[in-house]
Amino acid sequence: MSLLEIRNLNVSFGSTAHPFHAVSGLDLTVNRGEIVGIVGESGSGKSVTMLAMMGLIDAPGRVTADQLQFNGQDLLNMKPAQKRQIIGKDIAMIFQDALTSLNPAYTVGYQLMETLRLHTPLRGAALKRRALELLEQVEIPDAKSRLDAYPHQLSGGMSQRVMIAMAIACEPKLLIADEPTTALDVTVQAQIMELLVNLQKQNDMALILITHDLAVVAEVAQRMVVMYAGEVVESSATETLFACPRHPYTQALLSSIPEHSKGARRLSTLAGVVPGQYDRPQGCLLSPRCPYAKESCHTSKPALLPLAGTNVRCFTPLDANGIPTHE
């Protein structure tokens, strides 16, 4: 049995008469001990998907799904009190921008111990010992003195490590890392990714990495899910996706990696932006930006269908040579 099963997840905002669909018909399966990368531009619905799964979408947002199951438990019909026992303990999330996620009015130690108080029986000296162990586990130097530090006294990389410590405090079965390396320099990015992967292996937990940068997760994720404008456009094993992208959007993302443009005068780009609430195309959501779009792409919506070891949402998927099949 899979650890996480999501079927036909939909998240919308705005009025019911004219809703904005931030996520549409999303299916996702995550197995125990697996690392899954969810990639796409800003506005693709990556973070909203995970927030919806955790029950963190407030009104006027609306969340519906055919199935939302974690570790055999039905999250859709679970009472709020039951869900609070799971969220933060068995499912943990590292949110974007650690400096704004930490409370500036409380010390690092207080915030770590607050998480432990809510989900474990630890109290007193045992609580403080566990908080110190967590800071040491995420390799924060001089961890004992950091317990009394406030967030503004930490660097960006150190703040991110504190957020990771809080997330793994209760040894979750599933850890979601939302843009864990944003705003960090390249050296610190590599350290944070290495730390996350090591913790994932030590605790045998499933790890979902949300990012707009394919290169960040290329070497660590076993499986990749590519999202665009709230829809999954391609999903496959990481090796398969990098060797033979089937969707034009995936091809464009891969082409934008600097290493793929060596010798070229300009970095490859995809013109346009992810459509918002008021510029949603009638057909395929990528059609206004897609260099391979044909007439049917502008009038009909493609379904996500299996193709040679991958799933792709496209009327003219690319072949093994990167050529659209209608040409």
C-alpha atoms as a PDB file:
ATOM      1  CA  MET A   1       0.000   0.000   0.000  1.00  0.00           C
ATOM      2  CA  SER A   2       1.264   3.477  -0.907  1.00  0.00           C
ATOM      3  CA  LEU A   3       1.950   5.968   1.866  1.00  0.00           C
ATOM      4  CA  LEU A   4       0.097   8.848   0.160  1.00  0.00           C
ATOM      5  CA  GLU A   5      -2.736   8.500  -2.359  1.00  0.00           C
ATOM      6  CA  ILE A   6      -4.329  11.571  -3.954  1.00  0.00           C
ATOM      7  CA  ARG A   7      -7.005  11.181  -6.616  1.00  0.00           C
ATOM      8  CA  ASN A   8      -8.719  13.984  -8.545  1.00  0.00           C
ATOM      9  CA  LEU A   9      -7.657  16.791  -6.226  1.00  0.00           C
ATOM     10  CA  ASN A  10      -9.153  20.185  -7.083  1.00  0.00           C
ATOM     11  CA  VAL A  11      -8.435  23.501  -5.378  1.00  0.00           C
ATOM     12  CA  SER A  12     -10.310  26.651  -6.373  1.00  0.00           C
ATOM     13  CA  PHE A  13     -10.551  30.231  -5.149  1.00  0.00           C
ATOM     14  CA  GLY A  14     -12.941  33.091  -5.788  1.00  0.00           C
ATOM     15  CA  SER A  15     -16.685  32.964  -6.382  1.00  0.00           C
ATOM     16  CA  THR A  16     -18.420  29.698  -7.220  1.00  0.00           C
ATOM     17  CA  ALA A  17     -19.786  31.302 -10.389  1.00  0.00           C
ATOM     18  CA  HIS A  18     -16.313  32.291 -11.673  1.00  0.00           C
ATOM     19  CA  PRO A  19     -13.777  30.180  -9.771  1.00  0.00           C
ATOM     20  CA  PHE A  20     -10.045  30.213 -10.316  1.00  0.00           C
ATOM     21  CA  HIS A  21      -8.796  26.622 -10.459  1.00  0.00           C
ATOM     22  CA  ALA A  22      -5.387  26.622  -8.801  1.00  0.00           C
ATOM     23  CA  VAL A  23      -5.211  22.810  -8.993  1.00  0.00           C
ATOM     24  CA  SER A  24      -7.283  20.684 -11.388  1.00  0.00           C
ATOM     25  CA  GLY A  25      -7.806  16.917 -11.342  1.00  0.00           C
ATOM     26  CA  LEU A  26      -4.459  16.083  -9.774  1.00  0.00           C
ATOM     27  CA  ASP A  27      -3.445  12.479  -9.054  1.00  0.00           C
ATOM     28  CA  LEU A  28      -0.366  11.699  -6.982  1.00  0.00           C
ATOM     29  CA  THR A  29       1.023   8.576  -5.330  1.00  0.00           C
ATOM     30  CA  VAL A  30       4.010   8.562  -2.984  1.00  0.00           C
ATOM     31  CA  ASN A  31       5.499   5.337  -1.653  1.00  0.00           C
ATOM     32  CA  ARG A  32       7.255   4.783   1.656  1.00  0.00           C
ATOM     33  CA  GLY A  33      10.898   5.823   1.583  1.00  0.00           C
ATOM     34  CA  GLU A  34      10.554   7.417  -1.871  1.00  0.00           C
ATOM     35  CA  ILE A  35      11.835  10.826  -2.986  1.00  0.00           C
ATOM     36  CA  VAL A  36       9.468  12.589  -5.397  1.00  0.00           C
ATOM     37  CA  GLY A  37      10.218  15.920  -7.050  1.00  0.00           C
ATOM     38  CA  ILE A  38       7.375  18.259  -8.013  1.00  0.00           C
ATOM     39  CA  VAL A  39       8.623  20.886 -10.452  1.00  0.00           C
ATOM     40  CA  GLY A  40       7.222  23.803 -12.441  1.00  0.00           C
ATOM     41  CA  GLU A  41       7.264  27.584 -12.651  1.00  0.00           C
ATOM     42  CA  SER A  42       5.890  29.806  -9.907  1.00  0.00           C
ATOM     43  CA  GLY A  43       2.094  29.698 -10.125  1.00  0.00           C
ATOM     44  CA  SER A  44       1.971  26.071 -11.287  1.00  0.00           C
ATOM     45  CA  GLY A  45       0.104  24.906  -8.163  1.00  0.00           C
ATOM     46  CA  LYS A  46       2.925  22.931  -6.536  1.00  0.00           C
ATOM     47  CA  SER A  47       2.688  24.450  -3.047  1.00  0.00           C
ATOM     48  CA  VAL A  48      -1.113  24.737  -3.127  1.00  0.00           C
ATOM     49  CA  THR A  49      -1.352  20.991  -3.790  1.00  0.00           C
ATOM     50  CA  MET A  50       0.551  20.122  -0.631  1.00  0.00           C
ATOM     51  CA  LEU A  51      -1.190  22.768   1.485  1.00  0.00           C
ATOM     52  CA  ALA A  52      -4.537  21.315   0.389  1.00  0.00           C
ATOM     53  CA  MET A  53      -3.428  17.819   1.338  1.00  0.00           C
ATOM     54  CA  MET A  54      -2.459  19.080   4.800  1.00  0.00           C
ATOM     55  CA  GLY A  55      -5.757  20.918   5.280  1.00  0.00           C
ATOM     56  CA  LEU A  56      -4.135  24.367   5.252  1.00  0.00           C
ATOM     57  CA  ILE A  57      -6.314  25.997   2.590  1.00  0.00           C
ATOM     58  CA  ASP A  58      -8.585  28.481   4.339  1.00  0.00           C
ATOM     59  CA  ALA A  59     -11.832  29.983   3.031  1.00  0.00           C
ATOM     60  CA  PRO A  60     -12.582  31.247   0.436  1.00  0.00           C
ATOM     61  CA  GLY A  61     -10.470  28.408  -0.950  1.00  0.00           C
ATOM     62  CA  ARG A  62     -12.328  25.177  -1.729  1.00  0.00           C
ATOM     63  CA  VAL A  63     -10.774  21.706  -1.773  1.00  0.00           C
ATOM     64  CA  THR A  64     -12.379  18.584  -3.244  1.00  0.00           C
ATOM     65  CA  ALA A  65     -10.961  15.141  -4.040  1.00  0.00           C
ATOM     66  CA  ASP A  66     -12.122  11.637  -4.813  1.00  0.00           C
ATOM     67  CA  GLN A  67      -9.452  10.234  -2.521  1.00  0.00           C
ATOM     68  CA  LEU A  68      -7.048  11.766  -0.028  1.00  0.00           C
ATOM     69  CA  GLN A  69      -5.448   8.970   1.933  1.00  0.00           C
ATOM     70  CA  PHE A  70      -2.338   8.876   4.093  1.00  0.00           C
ATOM     71  CA  ASN A  71      -0.958   5.673   5.593  1.00  0.00           C
ATOM     72  CA  GLY A  72      -4.329   3.993   5.096  1.00  0.00           C
ATOM     73  CA  GLN A  73      -6.243   6.823   6.811  1.00  0.00           C
ATOM     74  CA  ASP A  74      -8.878   8.915   5.065  1.00  0.00           C
ATOM     75  CA  LEU A  75      -7.858  12.578   5.412  1.00  0.00           C
ATOM     76  CA  LEU A  76     -10.982  13.776   3.595  1.00  0.00           C
ATOM     77  CA  ASN A  77     -13.460  12.580   6.202  1.00  0.00           C
ATOM     78  CA  MET A  78     -11.236  12.789   9.255  1.00  0.00           C
ATOM     79  CA  LYS A  79     -12.297  14.978  12.171  1.00  0.00           C
ATOM     80  CA  PRO A  80     -10.140  18.085  12.752  1.00  0.00           C
ATOM     81  CA  ALA A  81      -8.882  16.769  16.109  1.00  0.00           C
ATOM     82  CA  GLN A  82      -7.734  13.528  14.480  1.00  0.00           C
ATOM     83  CA  LYS A  83      -6.050  15.392  11.638  1.00  0.00           C
ATOM     84  CA  ARG A  84      -4.117  17.572  14.103  1.00  0.00           C
ATOM     85  CA  GLN A  85      -2.565  14.399  15.542  1.00  0.00           C
ATOM     86  CA  ILE A  86      -1.179  13.529  12.097  1.00  0.00           C
ATOM     87  CA  ILE A  87      -0.249  16.924  10.629  1.00  0.00           C
ATOM     88  CA  GLY A  88       3.029  18.048  12.168  1.00  0.00           C
ATOM     89  CA  LYS A  89       3.825  14.571  13.455  1.00  0.00           C
ATOM     90  CA  ASP A  90       3.464  11.962  10.697  1.00  0.00           C
ATOM     91  CA  ILE A  91       3.289  14.592   7.919  1.00  0.00           C
ATOM     92  CA  ALA A  92       5.634  17.557   8.248  1.00  0.00           C
ATOM     93  CA  MET A  93       6.368  20.460   5.929  1.00  0.00           C
ATOM     94  CA  ILE A  94       9.277  22.839   5.509  1.00  0.00           C
ATOM     95  CA  PHE A  95       7.708  26.051   4.230  1.00  0.00           C
ATOM     96  CA  GLN A  96       9.182  28.571   1.816  1.00  0.00           C
ATOM     97  CA  ASP A  97      11.421  31.266   3.286  1.00  0.00           C
ATOM     98  CA  ALA A  98      12.518  30.086   6.717  1.00  0.00           C
ATOM     99  CA  LEU A  99      13.001  33.627   8.040  1.00  0.00           C
ATOM    100  CA  THR A 100       9.276  34.404   7.675  1.00  0.00           C
ATOM    101  CA  SER A 101       8.184  30.940   8.857  1.00  0.00           C
ATOM    102  CA  LEU A 102       9.933  31.251  12.218  1.00  0.00           C
ATOM    103  CA  ASN A 103       8.280  33.444  14.869  1.00  0.00           C
ATOM    104  CA  PRO A 104      10.599  36.415  15.537  1.00  0.00           C
ATOM    105  CA  ALA A 105       9.269  36.831  19.098  1.00  0.00           C
ATOM    106  CA  TYR A 106      10.391  33.419  20.376  1.00  0.00           C
ATOM    107  CA  THR A 107      13.755  31.691  20.653  1.00  0.00           C
ATOM    108  CA  VAL A 108      14.730  28.761  18.468  1.00  0.00           C
ATOM    109  CA  GLY A 109      14.631  26.456  21.480  1.00  0.00           C
ATOM    110  CA  TYR A 110      11.119  27.536  22.468  1.00  0.00           C
ATOM    111  CA  GLN A 111       9.773  26.932  18.967  1.00  0.00           C
ATOM    112  CA  LEU A 112      11.400  23.505  18.736  1.00  0.00           C
ATOM    113  CA  MET A 113      10.096  22.490  22.135  1.00  0.00           C
ATOM    114  CA  GLU A 114       6.618  23.727  21.275  1.00  0.00           C
ATOM    115  CA  THR A 115       6.470  21.210  18.426  1.00  0.00           C
ATOM    116  CA  LEU A 116       7.647  18.433  20.754  1.00  0.00           C
ATOM    117  CA  ARG A 117       5.132  19.405  23.470  1.00  0.00           C
ATOM    118  CA  LEU A 118       2.258  19.100  21.008  1.00  0.00           C
ATOM    119  CA  HIS A 119       3.145  15.684  19.618  1.00  0.00           C
ATOM    120  CA  THR A 120       5.302  13.854  22.194  1.00  0.00           C
ATOM    121  CA  PRO A 121       5.097  13.091  25.925  1.00  0.00           C
ATOM    122  CA  LEU A 122       8.486  14.728  26.578  1.00  0.00           C
ATOM    123  CA  ARG A 123       8.612  17.395  29.278  1.00  0.00           C
ATOM    124  CA  GLY A 124      11.172  19.345  31.300  1.00  0.00           C
ATOM    125  CA  ALA A 125      14.841  18.498  30.861  1.00  0.00           C
ATOM    126  CA  ALA A 126      14.042  15.672  28.410  1.00  0.00           C
ATOM    127  CA  LEU A 127      12.315  18.199  26.173  1.00  0.00           C
ATOM    128  CA  LYS A 128      15.361  20.466  26.094  1.00  0.00           C
ATOM    129  CA  ARG A 129      17.696  17.521  25.477  1.00  0.00           C
ATOM    130  CA  ARG A 130      15.645  16.432  22.484  1.00  0.00           C
ATOM    131  CA  ALA A 131      15.628  19.992  21.068  1.00  0.00           C
ATOM    132  CA  LEU A 132      19.426  20.081  21.382  1.00  0.00           C
ATOM    133  CA  GLU A 133      19.717  16.658  19.703  1.00  0.00           C
ATOM    134  CA  LEU A 134      17.655  17.943  16.771  1.00  0.00           C
ATOM    135  CA  LEU A 135      19.882  20.995  16.263  1.00  0.00           C
ATOM    136  CA  GLU A 136      22.931  18.738  16.344  1.00  0.00           C
ATOM    137  CA  GLN A 137      21.267  16.334  13.914  1.00  0.00           C
ATOM    138  CA  VAL A 138      20.841  19.120  11.340  1.00  0.00           C
ATOM    139  CA  GLU A 139      24.507  20.063  11.880  1.00  0.00           C
ATOM    140  CA  ILE A 140      24.073  23.521  13.405  1.00  0.00           C
ATOM    141  CA  PRO A 141      27.416  24.628  14.894  1.00  0.00           C
ATOM    142  CA  ASP A 142      27.476  25.425  18.624  1.00  0.00           C
ATOM    143  CA  ALA A 143      23.963  23.990  18.859  1.00  0.00           C
ATOM    144  CA  LYS A 144      23.600  24.549  22.628  1.00  0.00           C
ATOM    145  CA  SER A 145      23.950  28.332  22.336  1.00  0.00           C
ATOM    146  CA  ARG A 146      21.517  28.425  19.394  1.00  0.00           C
ATOM    147  CA  LEU A 147      18.663  27.238  21.614  1.00  0.00           C
ATOM    148  CA  ASP A 148      18.525  30.718  23.140  1.00  0.00           C
ATOM    149  CA  ALA A 149      18.986  32.562  19.833  1.00  0.00           C
ATOM    150  CA  TYR A 150      16.192  34.458  18.090  1.00  0.00           C
ATOM    151  CA  PRO A 151      15.543  33.939  14.343  1.00  0.00           C
ATOM    152  CA  HIS A 152      17.024  37.324  13.410  1.00  0.00           C
ATOM    153  CA  GLN A 153      20.331  36.217  14.906  1.00  0.00           C
ATOM    154  CA  LEU A 154      20.648  33.329  12.428  1.00  0.00           C
ATOM    155  CA  SER A 155      21.845  33.269   8.837  1.00  0.00           C
ATOM    156  CA  GLY A 156      19.536  32.109   6.048  1.00  0.00           C
ATOM    157  CA  GLY A 157      21.150  28.676   5.881  1.00  0.00           C
ATOM    158  CA  MET A 158      20.983  28.251   9.643  1.00  0.00           C
ATOM    159  CA  SER A 159      17.325  29.313   9.735  1.00  0.00           C
ATOM    160  CA  GLN A 160      16.572  26.675   7.095  1.00  0.00           C
ATOM    161  CA  ARG A 161      18.306  24.063   9.236  1.00  0.00           C
ATOM    162  CA  VAL A 162      16.146  25.078  12.219  1.00  0.00           C
ATOM    163  CA  MET A 163      13.034  24.637  10.066  1.00  0.00           C
ATOM    164  CA  ILE A 164      14.255  21.176   9.060  1.00  0.00           C
ATOM    165  CA  ALA A 165      14.875  20.324  12.722  1.00  0.00           C
ATOM    166  CA  MET A 166      11.308  21.354  13.595  1.00  0.00           C
ATOM    167  CA  ALA A 167       9.938  19.298  10.698  1.00  0.00           C
ATOM    168  CA  ILE A 168      11.772  16.089  11.636  1.00  0.00           C
ATOM    169  CA  ALA A 169      11.256  16.538  15.396  1.00  0.00           C
ATOM    170  CA  CYS A 170       8.575  13.839  15.580  1.00  0.00           C
ATOM    171  CA  GLU A 171      10.164  11.531  12.982  1.00  0.00           C
ATOM    172  CA  PRO A 172       7.517  11.986  10.271  1.00  0.00           C
ATOM    173  CA  LYS A 173       6.670   9.322   7.724  1.00  0.00           C
ATOM    174  CA  LEU A 174       6.336  12.021   5.040  1.00  0.00           C
ATOM    175  CA  LEU A 175       8.361  15.236   4.798  1.00  0.00           C
ATOM    176  CA  ILE A 176       7.410  17.959   2.315  1.00  0.00           C
ATOM    177  CA  ALA A 177      10.137  20.468   1.482  1.00  0.00           C
ATOM    178  CA  ASP A 178       8.751  23.526  -0.324  1.00  0.00           C
ATOM    179  CA  GLU A 179      11.554  25.343  -2.178  1.00  0.00           C
ATOM    180  CA  PRO A 180      14.055  24.367   0.557  1.00  0.00           C
ATOM    181  CA  THR A 181      16.980  26.119  -1.140  1.00  0.00           C
ATOM    182  CA  THR A 182      15.329  29.397  -2.174  1.00  0.00           C
ATOM    183  CA  ALA A 183      17.386  32.548  -1.438  1.00  0.00           C
ATOM    184  CA  LEU A 184      20.413  30.501  -0.387  1.00  0.00           C
ATOM    185  CA  ASP A 185      23.785  30.677  -2.109  1.00  0.00           C
ATOM    186  CA  VAL A 186      24.899  27.714  -4.209  1.00  0.00           C
ATOM    187  CA  THR A 187      27.213  26.230  -1.566  1.00  0.00           C
ATOM    188  CA  VAL A 188      24.519  26.310   1.127  1.00  0.00           C
ATOM    189  CA  GLN A 189      21.951  24.908  -1.355  1.00  0.00           C
ATOM    190  CA  ALA A 190      24.114  21.822  -1.836  1.00  0.00           C
ATOM    191  CA  GLN A 191      24.541  21.418   1.940  1.00  0.00           C
ATOM    192  CA  ILE A 192      20.787  21.656   2.597  1.00  0.00           C
ATOM    193  CA  MET A 193      19.969  19.137  -0.145  1.00  0.00           C
ATOM    194  CA  GLU A 194      22.595  16.728   1.171  1.00  0.00           C
ATOM    195  CA  LEU A 195      21.197  17.123   4.693  1.00  0.00           C
ATOM    196  CA  LEU A 196      17.625  16.421   3.567  1.00  0.00           C
ATOM    197  CA  VAL A 197      18.628  13.302   1.640  1.00  0.00           C
ATOM    198  CA  ASN A 198      20.716  11.986   4.546  1.00  0.00           C
ATOM    199  CA  LEU A 199      17.826  12.517   6.973  1.00  0.00           C
ATOM    200  CA  GLN A 200      15.448  10.815   4.536  1.00  0.00           C
ATOM    201  CA  LYS A 201      17.699   7.754   4.412  1.00  0.00           C
ATOM    202  CA  GLN A 202      18.302   7.666   8.175  1.00  0.00           C
ATOM    203  CA  ASN A 203      14.592   7.838   9.010  1.00  0.00           C
ATOM    204  CA  ASP A 204      13.345   5.903   5.954  1.00  0.00           C
ATOM    205  CA  MET A 205      10.761   8.613   5.343  1.00  0.00           C
ATOM    206  CA  ALA A 206       9.119   9.657   2.094  1.00  0.00           C
ATOM    207  CA  LEU A 207      10.291  13.046   0.834  1.00  0.00           C
ATOM    208  CA  ILE A 208       8.473  15.406  -1.536  1.00  0.00           C
ATOM    209  CA  LEU A 209      10.699  18.148  -2.935  1.00  0.00           C
ATOM    210  CA  ILE A 210       8.832  21.129  -4.416  1.00  0.00           C
ATOM    211  CA  THR A 211      10.928  23.365  -6.647  1.00  0.00           C
ATOM    212  CA  HIS A 212      11.016  25.325  -9.887  1.00  0.00           C
ATOM    213  CA  ASP A 213      14.580  24.155 -10.498  1.00  0.00           C
ATOM    214  CA  LEU A 214      14.928  20.740 -12.116  1.00  0.00           C
ATOM    215  CA  ALA A 215      18.659  20.687 -11.474  1.00  0.00           C
ATOM    216  CA  VAL A 216      18.107  20.841  -7.692  1.00  0.00           C
ATOM    217  CA  VAL A 217      16.326  17.471  -7.553  1.00  0.00           C
ATOM    218  CA  ALA A 218      17.813  15.783 -10.621  1.00  0.00           C
ATOM    219  CA  GLU A 219      20.284  13.687  -8.641  1.00  0.00           C
ATOM    220  CA  VAL A 220      18.138  12.793  -5.614  1.00  0.00           C
ATOM    221  CA  ALA A 221      14.527  12.189  -6.737  1.00  0.00           C
ATOM    222  CA  GLN A 222      13.485   8.756  -7.950  1.00  0.00           C
ATOM    223  CA  ARG A 223      10.401  10.172  -9.633  1.00  0.00           C
ATOM    224  CA  MET A 224       9.451  13.570 -11.066  1.00  0.00           C
ATOM    225  CA  VAL A 225       6.064  15.252 -11.451  1.00  0.00           C
ATOM    226  CA  VAL A 226       5.926  18.285 -13.757  1.00  0.00           C
ATOM    227  CA  MET A 227       3.089  20.745 -13.104  1.00  0.00           C
ATOM    228  CA  TYR A 228       1.829  23.634 -15.217  1.00  0.00           C
ATOM    229  CA  ALA A 229      -1.079  25.963 -14.378  1.00  0.00           C
ATOM    230  CA  GLY A 230      -2.505  23.589 -11.769  1.00  0.00           C
ATOM    231  CA  GLU A 231      -2.253  20.409 -13.837  1.00  0.00           C
ATOM    232  CA  VAL A 232       0.204  17.540 -13.999  1.00  0.00           C
ATOM    233  CA  VAL A 233       1.581  17.622 -17.557  1.00  0.00           C
ATOM    234  CA  GLU A 234       4.139  14.833 -17.208  1.00  0.00           C
ATOM    235  CA  SER A 235       5.275  12.305 -14.618  1.00  0.00           C
ATOM    236  CA  SER A 236       7.848   9.540 -14.828  1.00  0.00           C
ATOM    237  CA  ALA A 237      11.027   8.141 -13.331  1.00  0.00           C
ATOM    238  CA  THR A 238      13.645  10.891 -13.093  1.00  0.00           C
ATOM    239  CA  GLU A 239      16.082   9.137 -15.402  1.00  0.00           C
ATOM    240  CA  THR A 240      13.365   8.667 -18.043  1.00  0.00           C
ATOM    241  CA  LEU A 241      12.217  12.275 -17.827  1.00  0.00           C
ATOM    242  CA  PHE A 242      15.709  13.701 -18.259  1.00  0.00           C
ATOM    243  CA  ALA A 243      16.667  11.295 -21.034  1.00  0.00           C
ATOM    244  CA  CYS A 244      13.466  11.662 -23.034  1.00  0.00           C
ATOM    245  CA  PRO A 245      11.016  14.432 -22.067  1.00  0.00           C
ATOM    246  CA  ARG A 246       7.647  13.855 -23.757  1.00  0.00           C
ATOM    247  CA  HIS A 247       5.878  17.138 -23.011  1.00  0.00           C
ATOM    248  CA  PRO A 248       6.932  20.424 -24.667  1.00  0.00           C
ATOM    249  CA  TYR A 249       6.852  22.160 -21.275  1.00  0.00           C
ATOM    250  CA  THR A 250       9.210  19.596 -19.743  1.00  0.00           C
ATOM    251  CA  GLN A 251      11.474  20.008 -22.754  1.00  0.00           C
ATOM    252  CA  ALA A 252      11.464  23.789 -22.212  1.00  0.00           C
ATOM    253  CA  LEU A 253      12.296  23.426 -18.502  1.00  0.00           C
ATOM    254  CA  LEU A 254      15.209  21.129 -19.274  1.00  0.00           C
ATOM    255  CA  SER A 255      16.461  23.432 -22.031  1.00  0.00           C
ATOM    256  CA  SER A 256      16.532  26.356 -19.591  1.00  0.00           C
ATOM    257  CA  ILE A 257      19.151  24.644 -17.421  1.00  0.00           C
ATOM    258  CA  PRO A 258      22.416  26.535 -18.141  1.00  0.00           C
ATOM    259  CA  GLU A 259      24.378  23.301 -18.639  1.00  0.00           C
ATOM    260  CA  HIS A 260      22.117  22.466 -21.587  1.00  0.00           C
ATOM    261  CA  SER A 261      22.959  25.741 -23.348  1.00  0.00           C
ATOM    262  CA  LYS A 262      26.737  25.468 -23.367  1.00  0.00           C
ATOM    263  CA  GLY A 263      28.164  27.105 -26.478  1.00  0.00           C
ATOM    264  CA  ALA A 264      24.933  28.955 -27.264  1.00  0.00           C
ATOM    265  CA  ARG A 265      24.821  32.753 -27.416  1.00  0.00           C
ATOM    266  CA  ARG A 266      21.638  32.918 -25.318  1.00  0.00           C
ATOM    267  CA  LEU A 267      20.012  30.777 -22.659  1.00  0.00           C
ATOM    268  CA  SER A 268      16.975  28.911 -23.963  1.00  0.00           C
ATOM    269  CA  THR A 269      13.675  30.386 -22.724  1.00  0.00           C
ATOM    270  CA  LEU A 270       9.934  29.813 -23.078  1.00  0.00           C
ATOM    271  CA  ALA A 271       8.083  33.024 -23.949  1.00  0.00           C
ATOM    272  CA  GLY A 272       5.052  34.106 -21.912  1.00  0.00           C
ATOM    273  CA  VAL A 273       3.876  33.384 -18.376  1.00  0.00           C
ATOM    274  CA  VAL A 274       1.709  30.836 -16.559  1.00  0.00           C
ATOM    275  CA  PRO A 275      -1.942  31.852 -17.215  1.00  0.00           C
ATOM    276  CA  GLY A 276      -3.798  33.467 -14.331  1.00  0.00           C
ATOM    277  CA  GLN A 277      -7.469  33.711 -13.457  1.00  0.00           C
ATOM    278  CA  TYR A 278      -8.475  35.983 -16.336  1.00  0.00           C
ATOM    279  CA  ASP A 279      -6.307  34.723 -19.205  1.00  0.00           C
ATOM    280  CA  ARG A 280      -7.047  30.997 -19.093  1.00  0.00           C
ATOM    281  CA  PRO A 281      -6.961  29.533 -22.637  1.00  0.00           C
ATOM    282  CA  GLN A 282      -9.918  27.442 -23.788  1.00  0.00           C
ATOM    283  CA  GLY A 283      -7.881  24.433 -24.862  1.00  0.00           C
ATOM    284  CA  CYS A 284      -4.504  23.164 -23.647  1.00  0.00           C
ATOM    285  CA  LEU A 285      -3.242  25.556 -20.969  1.00  0.00           C
ATOM    286  CA  LEU A 286       0.212  25.658 -22.564  1.00  0.00           C
ATOM    287  CA  SER A 287      -1.085  26.299 -26.103  1.00  0.00           C
ATOM    288  CA  PRO A 288      -0.406  30.107 -26.171  1.00  0.00           C
ATOM    289  CA  ARG A 289       3.259  29.436 -25.319  1.00  0.00           C
ATOM    290  CA  CYS A 290       3.834  26.091 -27.038  1.00  0.00           C
ATOM    291  CA  PRO A 291       5.933  26.179 -30.242  1.00  0.00           C
ATOM    292  CA  TYR A 292       4.291  22.934 -31.414  1.00  0.00           C
ATOM    293  CA  ALA A 293       0.629  23.851 -30.813  1.00  0.00           C
ATOM    294  CA  LYS A 294      -1.799  22.928 -33.583  1.00  0.00           C
ATOM    295  CA  GLU A 295      -5.416  23.977 -34.073  1.00  0.00           C
ATOM    296  CA  SER A 296      -6.947  21.331 -31.775  1.00  0.00           C
ATOM    297  CA  CYS A 297      -4.610  22.428 -28.958  1.00  0.00           C
ATOM    298  CA  HIS A 298      -6.370  25.807 -28.838  1.00  0.00           C
ATOM    299  CA  THR A 299      -9.884  24.334 -28.610  1.00  0.00           C
ATOM    300  CA  SER A 300      -9.658  21.035 -26.699  1.00  0.00           C
ATOM    301  CA  LYS A 301      -8.069  19.961 -23.419  1.00  0.00           C
ATOM    302  CA  PRO A 302      -5.716  16.952 -23.530  1.00  0.00           C
ATOM    303  CA  ALA A 303      -5.918  14.183 -20.942  1.00  0.00           C
ATOM    304  CA  LEU A 304      -3.009  12.742 -18.957  1.00  0.00           C
ATOM    305  CA  LEU A 305      -2.273   9.425 -20.701  1.00  0.00           C
ATOM    306  CA  PRO A 306       0.435   6.742 -20.425  1.00  0.00           C
ATOM    307  CA  LEU A 307       3.147   6.752 -23.097  1.00  0.00           C
ATOM    308  CA  ALA A 308       6.304   4.630 -23.146  1.00  0.00           C
ATOM    309  CA  GLY A 309       6.924   4.535 -19.394  1.00  0.00           C
ATOM    310  CA  THR A 310       5.673   8.036 -18.670  1.00  0.00           C
ATOM    311  CA  ASN A 311       2.367   9.875 -18.303  1.00  0.00           C
ATOM    312  CA  VAL A 312       1.941  12.934 -20.511  1.00  0.00           C
ATOM    313  CA  ARG A 313      -0.824  15.494 -21.098  1.00  0.00           C
ATOM    314  CA  CYS A 314      -0.364  16.449 -24.749  1.00  0.00           C
ATOM    315  CA  PHE A 315      -2.036  15.926 -28.145  1.00  0.00           C
ATOM    316  CA  THR A 316       1.369  15.870 -29.845  1.00  0.00           C
ATOM    317  CA  PRO A 317       3.850  14.384 -27.352  1.00  0.00           C
ATOM    318  CA  LEU A 318       7.508  14.454 -28.293  1.00  0.00           C
ATOM    319  CA  ASP A 319       9.249  11.362 -29.603  1.00  0.00           C
ATOM    320  CA  ALA A 320      12.619  10.029 -28.455  1.00  0.00           C
ATOM    321  CA  ASN A 321      14.361  12.668 -30.610  1.00  0.00           C
ATOM    322  CA  GLY A 322      12.384  15.576 -29.137  1.00  0.00           C
ATOM    323  CA  ILE A 323      10.206  15.964 -32.242  1.00  0.00           C
ATOM    324  CA  PRO A 324       6.399  16.390 -31.893  1.00  0.00           C
ATOM    325  CA  THR A 325       4.582  13.333 -33.179  1.00  0.00           C
ATOM    326  CA  HIS A 326       2.294  15.261 -35.606  1.00  0.00           C
ATOM    327  CA  GLU A 327       5.229  16.458 -37.656  1.00  0.00           C
END
